[in-house]
Amino acid sequence: MKPKNKLVTDIVDNLRRVFQVVNEQSKRAVRETGLTGQQLWAIKLIAESGEIKVSELAKRMYLHPATVVGILDRLEVRGLVSRNRSSSDRRIVLISLAEQGKELVAGAPVVAQGLLTRGLEVLGEREIGTIATSLERLVDILGAQQISPQLFLSSNANEDTLQKKNHTPAVID
């Protein structure tokens, strides 16, 4: 095993690398598409699905539906997505890419959040548990347990976390 000081250096360096990748990919997304990383990630997931319910998109993004609705509102204003009521159940709203959204996503860069979630999803339970426990420990070390997690490089908090803290019931579409 490596000496303790080398392990600490490796951990800090690896955290720096993670922050760099997220920052660089977010800047690239804005530069090349004019979208935030979260908006671009949403569009890419919609493109993969063809048409998707808000609740399913939120689930795939690991976000609360209310958070995703805010992202979709901004995409809809830009003419990149459209919302349509399901013909079989009018309570269900389906999201699809508008023509402009399809054009944009075709040449769009990779999104850090997508890489991260896809990479974590393929791990076994033991390995994902180890990572989760280790990150929880880092949060404890930093005294950040009470900080609401925000979307990467955003001032928007994930509504799911806020609701857990406030014990507010979730809104489902």
N, C-alpha and C. Protein backbone atom coordinates (compact mmCIF):
# COMPACT_ATOMS: atom_id res chain seq x y z
N MET A 1 0.84 -1.19 0.00
CA MET A 1 0.00 0.00 0.00
C MET A 1 0.89 1.25 0.00
N LYS A 2 0.37 2.31 -0.63
CA LYS A 2 1.12 3.57 -0.72
C LYS A 2 1.17 4.24 0.66
N PRO A 3 2.20 5.06 0.88
CA PRO A 3 2.25 5.82 2.14
C PRO A 3 1.06 6.78 2.23
N LYS A 4 0.65 7.10 3.44
CA LYS A 4 -0.53 7.93 3.68
C LYS A 4 -0.44 9.27 2.96
N ASN A 5 0.71 9.94 3.00
CA ASN A 5 0.81 11.25 2.34
C ASN A 5 0.63 11.14 0.83
N LYS A 6 1.08 10.05 0.23
CA LYS A 6 0.90 9.82 -1.21
C LYS A 6 -0.58 9.58 -1.51
N LEU A 7 -1.27 8.85 -0.66
CA LEU A 7 -2.70 8.59 -0.85
C LEU A 7 -3.50 9.90 -0.77
N VAL A 8 -3.15 10.75 0.20
CA VAL A 8 -3.84 12.04 0.33
C VAL A 8 -3.61 12.87 -0.94
N THR A 9 -2.37 12.90 -1.41
CA THR A 9 -2.05 13.63 -2.64
C THR A 9 -2.86 13.07 -3.82
N ASP A 10 -2.92 11.76 -3.94
CA ASP A 10 -3.68 11.13 -5.03
C ASP A 10 -5.16 11.50 -4.97
N ILE A 11 -5.74 11.50 -3.77
CA ILE A 11 -7.16 11.84 -3.62
C ILE A 11 -7.41 13.28 -4.04
N VAL A 12 -6.60 14.20 -3.53
CA VAL A 12 -6.77 15.61 -3.87
C VAL A 12 -6.57 15.82 -5.37
N ASP A 13 -5.55 15.22 -5.95
CA ASP A 13 -5.30 15.35 -7.39
C ASP A 13 -6.46 14.79 -8.21
N ASN A 14 -7.01 13.66 -7.80
CA ASN A 14 -8.13 13.07 -8.53
C ASN A 14 -9.38 13.92 -8.43
N LEU A 15 -9.62 14.53 -7.27
CA LEU A 15 -10.75 15.45 -7.15
C LEU A 15 -10.55 16.66 -8.07
N ARG A 16 -9.33 17.15 -8.14
CA ARG A 16 -9.04 18.27 -9.05
C ARG A 16 -9.33 17.87 -10.49
N ARG A 17 -8.95 16.66 -10.86
CA ARG A 17 -9.21 16.17 -12.22
C ARG A 17 -10.71 16.12 -12.51
N VAL A 18 -11.47 15.63 -11.56
CA VAL A 18 -12.93 15.55 -11.73
C VAL A 18 -13.49 16.95 -11.95
N PHE A 19 -13.11 17.91 -11.09
CA PHE A 19 -13.61 19.27 -11.23
C PHE A 19 -13.20 19.87 -12.57
N GLN A 20 -11.97 19.60 -13.02
CA GLN A 20 -11.50 20.11 -14.30
C GLN A 20 -12.33 19.59 -15.45
N VAL A 21 -12.59 18.29 -15.46
CA VAL A 21 -13.37 17.70 -16.55
C VAL A 21 -14.77 18.30 -16.59
N VAL A 22 -15.42 18.38 -15.45
CA VAL A 22 -16.77 18.94 -15.40
C VAL A 22 -16.74 20.39 -15.88
N ASN A 23 -15.81 21.17 -15.39
CA ASN A 23 -15.70 22.58 -15.78
C ASN A 23 -15.42 22.72 -17.27
N GLU A 24 -14.45 21.98 -17.78
CA GLU A 24 -14.08 22.10 -19.19
C GLU A 24 -15.20 21.65 -20.11
N GLN A 25 -15.87 20.55 -19.76
CA GLN A 25 -16.94 20.07 -20.61
C GLN A 25 -18.15 21.00 -20.57
N SER A 26 -18.40 21.60 -19.42
CA SER A 26 -19.50 22.56 -19.32
C SER A 26 -19.21 23.80 -20.16
N LYS A 27 -18.00 24.31 -20.07
CA LYS A 27 -17.61 25.47 -20.89
C LYS A 27 -17.70 25.15 -22.37
N ARG A 28 -17.28 23.95 -22.74
CA ARG A 28 -17.34 23.54 -24.15
C ARG A 28 -18.78 23.46 -24.62
N ALA A 29 -19.67 22.93 -23.78
CA ALA A 29 -21.08 22.83 -24.13
C ALA A 29 -21.65 24.22 -24.40
N VAL A 30 -21.35 25.16 -23.51
CA VAL A 30 -21.85 26.53 -23.69
C VAL A 30 -21.26 27.15 -24.95
N ARG A 31 -19.97 26.98 -25.13
CA ARG A 31 -19.28 27.58 -26.28
C ARG A 31 -19.81 27.02 -27.62
N GLU A 32 -20.03 25.70 -27.68
CA GLU A 32 -20.41 25.08 -28.94
C GLU A 32 -21.92 25.06 -29.20
N THR A 33 -22.72 25.10 -28.12
CA THR A 33 -24.17 24.96 -28.31
C THR A 33 -24.97 26.11 -27.71
N GLY A 34 -24.36 26.88 -26.83
CA GLY A 34 -25.10 27.92 -26.14
C GLY A 34 -25.96 27.39 -25.01
N LEU A 35 -25.83 26.09 -24.70
CA LEU A 35 -26.60 25.45 -23.64
C LEU A 35 -25.72 25.13 -22.45
N THR A 36 -26.33 25.09 -21.27
CA THR A 36 -25.60 24.61 -20.10
C THR A 36 -25.41 23.11 -20.23
N GLY A 37 -24.53 22.57 -19.41
CA GLY A 37 -24.32 21.13 -19.41
C GLY A 37 -25.60 20.36 -19.12
N GLN A 38 -26.42 20.86 -18.17
CA GLN A 38 -27.67 20.19 -17.81
C GLN A 38 -28.66 20.22 -18.97
N GLN A 39 -28.75 21.35 -19.65
CA GLN A 39 -29.66 21.46 -20.79
C GLN A 39 -29.22 20.52 -21.91
N LEU A 40 -27.93 20.50 -22.17
CA LEU A 40 -27.42 19.63 -23.23
C LEU A 40 -27.62 18.16 -22.87
N TRP A 41 -27.40 17.81 -21.62
CA TRP A 41 -27.61 16.44 -21.17
C TRP A 41 -29.07 16.03 -21.36
N ALA A 42 -29.98 16.93 -21.00
CA ALA A 42 -31.42 16.64 -21.18
C ALA A 42 -31.73 16.41 -22.65
N ILE A 43 -31.22 17.26 -23.52
CA ILE A 43 -31.48 17.11 -24.95
C ILE A 43 -30.93 15.78 -25.47
N LYS A 44 -29.74 15.42 -25.02
CA LYS A 44 -29.15 14.16 -25.48
C LYS A 44 -30.00 12.96 -25.03
N LEU A 45 -30.50 13.00 -23.81
CA LEU A 45 -31.34 11.90 -23.33
C LEU A 45 -32.67 11.85 -24.08
N ILE A 46 -33.23 13.01 -24.38
CA ILE A 46 -34.47 13.06 -25.16
C ILE A 46 -34.21 12.50 -26.56
N ALA A 47 -33.08 12.86 -27.15
CA ALA A 47 -32.74 12.36 -28.48
C ALA A 47 -32.63 10.83 -28.49
N GLU A 48 -32.04 10.27 -27.44
CA GLU A 48 -31.92 8.81 -27.34
C GLU A 48 -33.29 8.14 -27.25
N SER A 49 -34.22 8.80 -26.59
CA SER A 49 -35.54 8.21 -26.34
C SER A 49 -36.53 8.47 -27.46
N GLY A 50 -36.33 9.55 -28.19
CA GLY A 50 -37.30 9.93 -29.21
C GLY A 50 -38.42 10.75 -28.60
N GLU A 51 -39.06 10.20 -27.60
CA GLU A 51 -40.13 10.88 -26.86
C GLU A 51 -40.09 10.31 -25.45
N ILE A 52 -40.21 11.17 -24.44
CA ILE A 52 -40.04 10.71 -23.06
C ILE A 52 -40.92 11.51 -22.12
N LYS A 53 -41.42 10.86 -21.09
CA LYS A 53 -42.18 11.55 -20.06
C LYS A 53 -41.21 12.36 -19.19
N VAL A 54 -41.71 13.45 -18.63
CA VAL A 54 -40.90 14.28 -17.75
C VAL A 54 -40.37 13.45 -16.59
N SER A 55 -41.23 12.63 -16.00
CA SER A 55 -40.80 11.82 -14.86
C SER A 55 -39.70 10.84 -15.24
N GLU A 56 -39.77 10.29 -16.43
CA GLU A 56 -38.73 9.35 -16.88
C GLU A 56 -37.42 10.08 -17.16
N LEU A 57 -37.51 11.26 -17.75
CA LEU A 57 -36.30 12.05 -17.99
C LEU A 57 -35.65 12.42 -16.66
N ALA A 58 -36.46 12.82 -15.69
CA ALA A 58 -35.93 13.15 -14.36
C ALA A 58 -35.24 11.95 -13.74
N LYS A 59 -35.84 10.79 -13.88
CA LYS A 59 -35.26 9.56 -13.34
C LYS A 59 -33.91 9.27 -14.00
N ARG A 60 -33.84 9.43 -15.31
CA ARG A 60 -32.59 9.16 -16.03
C ARG A 60 -31.50 10.19 -15.75
N MET A 61 -31.93 11.40 -15.34
CA MET A 61 -30.96 12.44 -15.01
C MET A 61 -30.64 12.46 -13.51
N TYR A 62 -31.30 11.60 -12.75
CA TYR A 62 -31.13 11.56 -11.30
C TYR A 62 -31.46 12.92 -10.68
N LEU A 63 -32.55 13.51 -11.16
CA LEU A 63 -33.02 14.80 -10.68
C LEU A 63 -34.50 14.71 -10.35
N HIS A 64 -34.98 15.65 -9.58
CA HIS A 64 -36.40 15.74 -9.27
C HIS A 64 -37.14 16.29 -10.49
N PRO A 65 -38.36 15.82 -10.75
CA PRO A 65 -39.12 16.33 -11.89
C PRO A 65 -39.24 17.86 -11.93
N ALA A 66 -39.39 18.51 -10.78
CA ALA A 66 -39.50 19.97 -10.76
C ALA A 66 -38.22 20.63 -11.28
N THR A 67 -37.07 20.05 -11.00
CA THR A 67 -35.80 20.56 -11.50
C THR A 67 -35.75 20.41 -13.02
N VAL A 68 -36.19 19.25 -13.50
CA VAL A 68 -36.18 18.98 -14.95
C VAL A 68 -37.16 19.89 -15.67
N VAL A 69 -38.30 20.18 -15.07
CA VAL A 69 -39.28 21.08 -15.69
C VAL A 69 -38.65 22.45 -15.94
N GLY A 70 -37.85 22.94 -15.00
CA GLY A 70 -37.15 24.22 -15.20
C GLY A 70 -36.19 24.17 -16.38
N ILE A 71 -35.47 23.07 -16.49
CA ILE A 71 -34.56 22.88 -17.62
C ILE A 71 -35.35 22.85 -18.92
N LEU A 72 -36.45 22.10 -18.93
CA LEU A 72 -37.29 21.98 -20.14
C LEU A 72 -37.92 23.32 -20.52
N ASP A 73 -38.31 24.11 -19.53
CA ASP A 73 -38.88 25.43 -19.81
C ASP A 73 -37.90 26.26 -20.63
N ARG A 74 -36.64 26.25 -20.22
CA ARG A 74 -35.62 27.04 -20.94
C ARG A 74 -35.36 26.48 -22.34
N LEU A 75 -35.40 25.16 -22.47
CA LEU A 75 -35.19 24.54 -23.79
C LEU A 75 -36.37 24.82 -24.72
N GLU A 76 -37.57 24.83 -24.16
CA GLU A 76 -38.76 25.07 -24.97
C GLU A 76 -38.78 26.52 -25.47
N VAL A 77 -38.39 27.45 -24.62
CA VAL A 77 -38.33 28.86 -25.01
C VAL A 77 -37.39 29.05 -26.20
N ARG A 78 -36.32 28.26 -26.23
CA ARG A 78 -35.34 28.35 -27.33
C ARG A 78 -35.76 27.56 -28.56
N GLY A 79 -36.90 26.88 -28.49
CA GLY A 79 -37.41 26.13 -29.64
C GLY A 79 -36.70 24.81 -29.87
N LEU A 80 -36.10 24.25 -28.81
CA LEU A 80 -35.33 23.01 -28.96
C LEU A 80 -36.13 21.76 -28.60
N VAL A 81 -37.14 21.90 -27.75
CA VAL A 81 -37.99 20.76 -27.39
C VAL A 81 -39.44 21.18 -27.49
N SER A 82 -40.30 20.17 -27.56
CA SER A 82 -41.74 20.44 -27.53
C SER A 82 -42.39 19.49 -26.54
N ARG A 83 -43.47 19.94 -25.94
CA ARG A 83 -44.24 19.15 -24.99
C ARG A 83 -45.59 18.85 -25.60
N ASN A 84 -45.98 17.60 -25.49
CA ASN A 84 -47.28 17.19 -26.03
C ASN A 84 -47.96 16.28 -25.03
N ARG A 85 -49.26 16.43 -24.92
CA ARG A 85 -50.04 15.54 -24.06
C ARG A 85 -50.20 14.20 -24.75
N SER A 86 -50.10 13.13 -23.98
CA SER A 86 -50.30 11.79 -24.50
C SER A 86 -51.74 11.66 -24.98
N SER A 87 -51.93 11.02 -26.12
CA SER A 87 -53.29 10.83 -26.64
C SER A 87 -54.06 9.79 -25.83
N SER A 88 -53.33 8.86 -25.20
CA SER A 88 -53.99 7.82 -24.41
C SER A 88 -54.28 8.25 -22.98
N ASP A 89 -53.48 9.19 -22.44
CA ASP A 89 -53.68 9.67 -21.07
C ASP A 89 -53.27 11.14 -21.04
N ARG A 90 -54.25 12.02 -21.06
CA ARG A 90 -54.01 13.46 -21.16
C ARG A 90 -53.22 14.03 -19.98
N ARG A 91 -53.10 13.27 -18.89
CA ARG A 91 -52.32 13.74 -17.74
C ARG A 91 -50.82 13.65 -18.00
N ILE A 92 -50.43 12.83 -18.94
CA ILE A 92 -49.02 12.59 -19.23
C ILE A 92 -48.51 13.57 -20.28
N VAL A 93 -47.40 14.22 -19.95
CA VAL A 93 -46.75 15.14 -20.89
C VAL A 93 -45.52 14.44 -21.46
N LEU A 94 -45.46 14.39 -22.77
CA LEU A 94 -44.33 13.77 -23.46
C LEU A 94 -43.45 14.86 -24.05
N ILE A 95 -42.15 14.67 -23.90
CA ILE A 95 -41.17 15.63 -24.40
C ILE A 95 -40.48 15.03 -25.62
N SER A 96 -40.34 15.84 -26.65
CA SER A 96 -39.58 15.39 -27.83
C SER A 96 -38.74 16.56 -28.33
N LEU A 97 -37.76 16.23 -29.16
CA LEU A 97 -36.91 17.28 -29.72
C LEU A 97 -37.61 17.94 -30.89
N ALA A 98 -37.53 19.25 -30.93
CA ALA A 98 -37.97 19.99 -32.10
C ALA A 98 -36.88 19.84 -33.16
N GLU A 99 -37.18 20.23 -34.36
CA GLU A 99 -36.20 20.09 -35.45
C GLU A 99 -34.89 20.79 -35.11
N GLN A 100 -34.98 21.97 -34.55
CA GLN A 100 -33.77 22.72 -34.16
C GLN A 100 -32.97 21.96 -33.09
N GLY A 101 -33.66 21.28 -32.18
CA GLY A 101 -33.00 20.48 -31.15
C GLY A 101 -32.27 19.30 -31.75
N LYS A 102 -32.89 18.68 -32.76
CA LYS A 102 -32.25 17.54 -33.44
C LYS A 102 -30.97 17.96 -34.13
N GLU A 103 -31.01 19.12 -34.76
CA GLU A 103 -29.82 19.64 -35.44
C GLU A 103 -28.71 19.94 -34.44
N LEU A 104 -29.09 20.55 -33.32
CA LEU A 104 -28.11 20.92 -32.30
C LEU A 104 -27.45 19.70 -31.68
N VAL A 105 -28.22 18.69 -31.34
CA VAL A 105 -27.69 17.53 -30.64
C VAL A 105 -26.76 16.71 -31.54
N ALA A 106 -26.97 16.77 -32.84
CA ALA A 106 -26.16 15.98 -33.77
C ALA A 106 -24.67 16.30 -33.66
N GLY A 107 -24.33 17.57 -33.45
CA GLY A 107 -22.91 17.94 -33.37
C GLY A 107 -22.47 18.35 -31.98
N ALA A 108 -23.28 18.06 -30.99
CA ALA A 108 -22.99 18.52 -29.62
C ALA A 108 -21.90 17.68 -28.95
N PRO A 109 -21.13 18.32 -28.07
CA PRO A 109 -20.06 17.60 -27.35
C PRO A 109 -20.61 16.68 -26.27
N VAL A 110 -19.74 15.86 -25.73
CA VAL A 110 -20.06 14.95 -24.64
C VAL A 110 -20.37 15.79 -23.40
N VAL A 111 -21.26 15.29 -22.56
CA VAL A 111 -21.64 15.98 -21.34
C VAL A 111 -21.10 15.21 -20.14
N ALA A 112 -20.42 15.91 -19.22
CA ALA A 112 -19.79 15.27 -18.06
C ALA A 112 -20.79 14.48 -17.21
N GLN A 113 -21.98 15.05 -17.00
CA GLN A 113 -22.98 14.36 -16.18
C GLN A 113 -23.37 13.02 -16.80
N GLY A 114 -23.50 13.00 -18.10
CA GLY A 114 -23.83 11.77 -18.81
C GLY A 114 -22.73 10.73 -18.67
N LEU A 115 -21.49 11.16 -18.82
CA LEU A 115 -20.35 10.24 -18.65
C LEU A 115 -20.33 9.67 -17.24
N LEU A 116 -20.55 10.55 -16.27
CA LEU A 116 -20.50 10.14 -14.87
C LEU A 116 -21.60 9.14 -14.54
N THR A 117 -22.83 9.47 -14.88
CA THR A 117 -23.93 8.56 -14.53
C THR A 117 -23.83 7.23 -15.27
N ARG A 118 -23.49 7.27 -16.54
CA ARG A 118 -23.36 6.01 -17.29
C ARG A 118 -22.23 5.16 -16.73
N GLY A 119 -21.13 5.79 -16.38
CA GLY A 119 -20.01 5.05 -15.81
C GLY A 119 -20.36 4.42 -14.47
N LEU A 120 -21.10 5.15 -13.64
CA LEU A 120 -21.49 4.62 -12.34
C LEU A 120 -22.54 3.52 -12.47
N GLU A 121 -23.46 3.67 -13.41
CA GLU A 121 -24.55 2.70 -13.58
C GLU A 121 -24.05 1.29 -13.93
N VAL A 122 -22.90 1.19 -14.55
CA VAL A 122 -22.40 -0.13 -14.96
C VAL A 122 -21.60 -0.83 -13.87
N LEU A 123 -21.32 -0.12 -12.78
CA LEU A 123 -20.56 -0.72 -11.70
C LEU A 123 -21.42 -1.68 -10.88
N GLY A 124 -20.76 -2.65 -10.27
CA GLY A 124 -21.46 -3.58 -9.39
C GLY A 124 -21.86 -2.89 -8.09
N GLU A 125 -22.78 -3.53 -7.36
CA GLU A 125 -23.29 -2.94 -6.11
C GLU A 125 -22.18 -2.67 -5.10
N ARG A 126 -21.25 -3.59 -4.99
CA ARG A 126 -20.17 -3.41 -4.01
C ARG A 126 -19.31 -2.21 -4.34
N GLU A 127 -18.91 -2.10 -5.62
CA GLU A 127 -18.05 -0.99 -6.02
C GLU A 127 -18.78 0.35 -5.91
N ILE A 128 -20.04 0.39 -6.33
CA ILE A 128 -20.80 1.64 -6.23
C ILE A 128 -21.02 2.00 -4.76
N GLY A 129 -21.21 1.00 -3.92
CA GLY A 129 -21.36 1.24 -2.49
C GLY A 129 -20.10 1.82 -1.87
N THR A 130 -18.96 1.30 -2.29
CA THR A 130 -17.67 1.81 -1.80
C THR A 130 -17.48 3.26 -2.20
N ILE A 131 -17.80 3.59 -3.44
CA ILE A 131 -17.67 4.97 -3.91
C ILE A 131 -18.62 5.88 -3.14
N ALA A 132 -19.86 5.44 -2.98
CA ALA A 132 -20.86 6.25 -2.26
C ALA A 132 -20.41 6.51 -0.82
N THR A 133 -19.94 5.47 -0.15
CA THR A 133 -19.48 5.62 1.24
C THR A 133 -18.27 6.55 1.32
N SER A 134 -17.36 6.40 0.38
CA SER A 134 -16.17 7.26 0.38
C SER A 134 -16.52 8.72 0.13
N LEU A 135 -17.44 8.97 -0.80
CA LEU A 135 -17.84 10.36 -1.06
C LEU A 135 -18.60 10.95 0.12
N GLU A 136 -19.42 10.13 0.76
CA GLU A 136 -20.11 10.60 1.97
C GLU A 136 -19.09 10.99 3.04
N ARG A 137 -18.03 10.23 3.15
CA ARG A 137 -16.98 10.53 4.12
C ARG A 137 -16.29 11.85 3.78
N LEU A 138 -16.04 12.09 2.48
CA LEU A 138 -15.44 13.36 2.06
C LEU A 138 -16.36 14.53 2.40
N VAL A 139 -17.65 14.36 2.20
CA VAL A 139 -18.62 15.39 2.55
C VAL A 139 -18.56 15.67 4.06
N ASP A 140 -18.45 14.59 4.85
CA ASP A 140 -18.33 14.75 6.31
C ASP A 140 -17.05 15.51 6.67
N ILE A 141 -15.95 15.15 6.03
CA ILE A 141 -14.66 15.81 6.30
C ILE A 141 -14.76 17.31 6.03
N LEU A 142 -15.47 17.66 4.96
CA LEU A 142 -15.61 19.06 4.59
C LEU A 142 -16.71 19.77 5.37
N GLY A 143 -17.47 19.01 6.15
CA GLY A 143 -18.57 19.60 6.90
C GLY A 143 -19.68 20.11 6.00
N ALA A 144 -19.89 19.44 4.90
CA ALA A 144 -20.83 19.91 3.88
C ALA A 144 -22.15 19.15 3.87
N GLN A 145 -22.47 18.44 4.92
CA GLN A 145 -23.68 17.62 4.96
C GLN A 145 -24.95 18.46 4.77
N GLN A 146 -24.96 19.69 5.25
CA GLN A 146 -26.17 20.51 5.19
C GLN A 146 -26.28 21.35 3.92
N ILE A 147 -25.30 21.26 3.06
CA ILE A 147 -25.33 22.04 1.81
C ILE A 147 -26.18 21.29 0.79
N SER A 148 -27.15 22.00 0.19
CA SER A 148 -27.97 21.40 -0.85
C SER A 148 -27.14 21.24 -2.11
N PRO A 149 -27.08 20.03 -2.66
CA PRO A 149 -26.28 19.84 -3.88
C PRO A 149 -26.90 20.59 -5.05
N GLN A 150 -26.05 21.31 -5.76
CA GLN A 150 -26.51 22.03 -6.94
C GLN A 150 -26.11 21.24 -8.18
N LEU A 151 -26.81 21.52 -9.26
CA LEU A 151 -26.43 20.93 -10.53
C LEU A 151 -25.02 21.42 -10.85
N PHE A 152 -24.26 20.63 -11.58
CA PHE A 152 -22.89 21.02 -11.91
C PHE A 152 -22.85 22.42 -12.50
N LEU A 153 -21.98 23.26 -11.94
CA LEU A 153 -21.74 24.62 -12.41
C LEU A 153 -23.02 25.41 -12.58
N SER A 154 -23.93 25.29 -11.62
CA SER A 154 -25.21 25.96 -11.67
C SER A 154 -25.56 26.45 -10.28
N SER A 155 -26.45 27.42 -10.23
CA SER A 155 -26.95 27.87 -8.93
C SER A 155 -28.26 27.18 -8.59
N ASN A 156 -28.73 26.28 -9.46
CA ASN A 156 -29.99 25.58 -9.23
C ASN A 156 -29.77 24.33 -8.41
N ALA A 157 -30.48 24.24 -7.30
CA ALA A 157 -30.41 23.04 -6.46
C ALA A 157 -31.32 21.97 -7.05
N ASN A 158 -30.98 20.72 -6.79
CA ASN A 158 -31.84 19.62 -7.18
C ASN A 158 -33.02 19.60 -6.22
N GLU A 159 -34.21 19.80 -6.73
CA GLU A 159 -35.42 19.89 -5.89
C GLU A 159 -35.60 18.66 -5.02
N ASP A 160 -35.13 17.51 -5.48
CA ASP A 160 -35.29 16.27 -4.71
C ASP A 160 -34.59 16.41 -3.36
N THR A 161 -33.40 16.96 -3.35
CA THR A 161 -32.65 17.13 -2.11
C THR A 161 -33.34 18.14 -1.20
N LEU A 162 -33.82 19.22 -1.79
CA LEU A 162 -34.51 20.23 -1.00
C LEU A 162 -35.76 19.64 -0.36
N GLN A 163 -36.49 18.82 -1.11
CA GLN A 163 -37.71 18.24 -0.57
C GLN A 163 -37.41 17.26 0.55
N LYS A 164 -36.32 16.50 0.43
CA LYS A 164 -35.95 15.57 1.50
C LYS A 164 -35.67 16.35 2.78
N LYS A 165 -34.99 17.48 2.65
CA LYS A 165 -34.67 18.29 3.82
C LYS A 165 -35.92 18.91 4.43
N ASN A 166 -36.84 19.36 3.55
CA ASN A 166 -38.06 20.03 4.01
C ASN A 166 -39.22 19.07 4.22
N HIS A 167 -39.00 17.80 3.90
CA HIS A 167 -40.04 16.77 3.99
C HIS A 167 -41.29 17.15 3.18
N THR A 168 -41.06 17.78 2.04
CA THR A 168 -42.14 18.16 1.16
C THR A 168 -42.44 17.01 0.21
N PRO A 169 -43.70 16.68 -0.03
CA PRO A 169 -43.99 15.59 -0.94
C PRO A 169 -43.55 15.91 -2.35
N ALA A 170 -43.11 14.91 -3.07
CA ALA A 170 -42.64 15.08 -4.44
C ALA A 170 -43.81 15.32 -5.38
N VAL A 171 -43.54 16.05 -6.47
CA VAL A 171 -44.54 16.26 -7.52
C VAL A 171 -44.20 15.30 -8.65
N ILE A 172 -45.14 14.50 -9.05
CA ILE A 172 -44.91 13.52 -10.11
C ILE A 172 -45.82 13.88 -11.27
N ASP A 173 -45.29 13.73 -12.51
CA ASP A 173 -46.16 14.05 -13.65
C ASP A 173 -46.95 12.84 -14.07
